[in-house]
Amino acid sequence: MPSKRTAIALAVAPELNLTEADDLLKRADYAQSHSQKFDVIIEHFIISGKYDIFEINGMLFKYDRPLLGDKQMR
């Protein structure tokens, strides 16, 4: 069972659109939530078609959220 961050990374890497990403998360027993800043940031990048992991992680870092590919939990 992958973590939610791993499932999201698996959606970002092949550049899935929002519907596909949501489907992948659902299959892993997760869902995006507009009440979670991490999820809102990820959704923004997917909707914008920006899949650069460094850009995404830069924004996550700016808002003190866990990074994709970062093994440390915050």
C-alpha atoms as a PDB file:
ATOM      1  CA  MET A   1       0.000   0.000   0.000  1.00  0.00           C
ATOM      2  CA  PRO A   2       1.734   3.210  -1.130  1.00  0.00           C
ATOM      3  CA  SER A   3       1.609   6.351   0.956  1.00  0.00           C
ATOM      4  CA  LYS A   4      -0.517   9.198  -0.358  1.00  0.00           C
ATOM      5  CA  ARG A   5       2.622  11.140  -1.327  1.00  0.00           C
ATOM      6  CA  THR A   6       3.908   8.128  -3.263  1.00  0.00           C
ATOM      7  CA  ALA A   7       0.570   7.761  -5.045  1.00  0.00           C
ATOM      8  CA  ILE A   8       0.653  11.447  -5.958  1.00  0.00           C
ATOM      9  CA  ALA A   9       4.227  11.138  -7.204  1.00  0.00           C
ATOM     10  CA  LEU A  10       3.071   8.222  -9.367  1.00  0.00           C
ATOM     11  CA  ALA A  11       0.374  10.504 -10.811  1.00  0.00           C
ATOM     12  CA  VAL A  12       2.783  13.394 -11.437  1.00  0.00           C
ATOM     13  CA  ALA A  13       5.608  11.377 -13.057  1.00  0.00           C
ATOM     14  CA  PRO A  14       3.603  10.221 -16.122  1.00  0.00           C
ATOM     15  CA  GLU A  15       1.818  13.602 -16.240  1.00  0.00           C
ATOM     16  CA  LEU A  16      -1.672  12.290 -15.569  1.00  0.00           C
ATOM     17  CA  ASN A  17      -4.511  14.779 -15.929  1.00  0.00           C
ATOM     18  CA  LEU A  18      -6.690  15.555 -12.891  1.00  0.00           C
ATOM     19  CA  THR A  19      -9.293  12.886 -13.666  1.00  0.00           C
ATOM     20  CA  GLU A  20      -6.621  10.231 -14.119  1.00  0.00           C
ATOM     21  CA  ALA A  21      -4.754  11.365 -10.994  1.00  0.00           C
ATOM     22  CA  ASP A  22      -7.951  11.274  -8.928  1.00  0.00           C
ATOM     23  CA  ASP A  23      -8.684   7.774 -10.250  1.00  0.00           C
ATOM     24  CA  LEU A  24      -5.198   6.581  -9.318  1.00  0.00           C
ATOM     25  CA  LEU A  25      -5.550   8.039  -5.810  1.00  0.00           C
ATOM     26  CA  LYS A  26      -8.989   6.460  -5.409  1.00  0.00           C
ATOM     27  CA  ARG A  27      -7.576   3.053  -6.365  1.00  0.00           C
ATOM     28  CA  ALA A  28      -4.933   3.527  -3.653  1.00  0.00           C
ATOM     29  CA  ASP A  29      -7.702   4.426  -1.158  1.00  0.00           C
ATOM     30  CA  TYR A  30      -6.914   8.162  -1.080  1.00  0.00           C
ATOM     31  CA  ALA A  31      -8.635  11.327  -2.241  1.00  0.00           C
ATOM     32  CA  GLN A  32      -7.642  14.940  -2.780  1.00  0.00           C
ATOM     33  CA  SER A  33      -9.061  17.393  -0.258  1.00  0.00           C
ATOM     34  CA  HIS A  34      -9.494  21.140  -0.744  1.00  0.00           C
ATOM     35  CA  SER A  35      -9.024  21.548   3.006  1.00  0.00           C
ATOM     36  CA  GLN A  36      -5.408  20.294   2.764  1.00  0.00           C
ATOM     37  CA  LYS A  37      -2.848  22.806   1.477  1.00  0.00           C
ATOM     38  CA  PHE A  38      -0.656  19.974   0.133  1.00  0.00           C
ATOM     39  CA  ASP A  39      -3.549  18.672  -1.987  1.00  0.00           C
ATOM     40  CA  VAL A  40      -4.480  22.143  -3.254  1.00  0.00           C
ATOM     41  CA  ILE A  41      -0.900  22.775  -4.373  1.00  0.00           C
ATOM     42  CA  ILE A  42      -0.685  19.431  -6.176  1.00  0.00           C
ATOM     43  CA  GLU A  43      -4.060  19.980  -7.844  1.00  0.00           C
ATOM     44  CA  HIS A  44      -2.985  23.437  -9.031  1.00  0.00           C
ATOM     45  CA  PHE A  45       0.098  22.026 -10.736  1.00  0.00           C
ATOM     46  CA  ILE A  46      -1.797  19.159 -12.363  1.00  0.00           C
ATOM     47  CA  ILE A  47      -4.551  21.464 -13.659  1.00  0.00           C
ATOM     48  CA  SER A  48      -1.889  23.872 -14.946  1.00  0.00           C
ATOM     49  CA  GLY A  49      -0.097  21.023 -16.746  1.00  0.00           C
ATOM     50  CA  LYS A  50       3.107  21.750 -14.826  1.00  0.00           C
ATOM     51  CA  TYR A  51       4.737  18.490 -13.796  1.00  0.00           C
ATOM     52  CA  ASP A  52       8.259  19.671 -12.942  1.00  0.00           C
ATOM     53  CA  ILE A  53       9.018  17.954  -9.635  1.00  0.00           C
ATOM     54  CA  PHE A  54      11.468  20.694  -8.637  1.00  0.00           C
ATOM     55  CA  GLU A  55       8.876  23.407  -9.212  1.00  0.00           C
ATOM     56  CA  ILE A  56       6.231  21.439  -7.315  1.00  0.00           C
ATOM     57  CA  ASN A  57       8.600  20.741  -4.425  1.00  0.00           C
ATOM     58  CA  GLY A  58       9.635  24.397  -4.375  1.00  0.00           C
ATOM     59  CA  MET A  59       6.041  25.423  -3.787  1.00  0.00           C
ATOM     60  CA  LEU A  60       5.495  22.663  -1.217  1.00  0.00           C
ATOM     61  CA  PHE A  61       8.651  23.813   0.607  1.00  0.00           C
ATOM     62  CA  LYS A  62       7.469  27.432   0.533  1.00  0.00           C
ATOM     63  CA  TYR A  63       4.294  26.422   2.373  1.00  0.00           C
ATOM     64  CA  ASP A  64       6.104  23.992   4.711  1.00  0.00           C
ATOM     65  CA  ARG A  65       4.415  20.917   3.281  1.00  0.00           C
ATOM     66  CA  PRO A  66       6.056  17.493   2.808  1.00  0.00           C
ATOM     67  CA  LEU A  67       7.962  17.165  -0.452  1.00  0.00           C
ATOM     68  CA  LEU A  68       7.377  14.563  -3.133  1.00  0.00           C
ATOM     69  CA  GLY A  69      10.178  12.022  -3.051  1.00  0.00           C
ATOM     70  CA  ASP A  70      11.211  13.122   0.449  1.00  0.00           C
ATOM     71  CA  LYS A  71      11.446  10.139   2.775  1.00  0.00           C
ATOM     72  CA  GLN A  72      11.218  12.214   5.940  1.00  0.00           C
ATOM     73  CA  MET A  73       7.782  12.730   7.383  1.00  0.00           C
ATOM     74  CA  ARG A  74       6.826  16.216   8.565  1.00  0.00           C
END
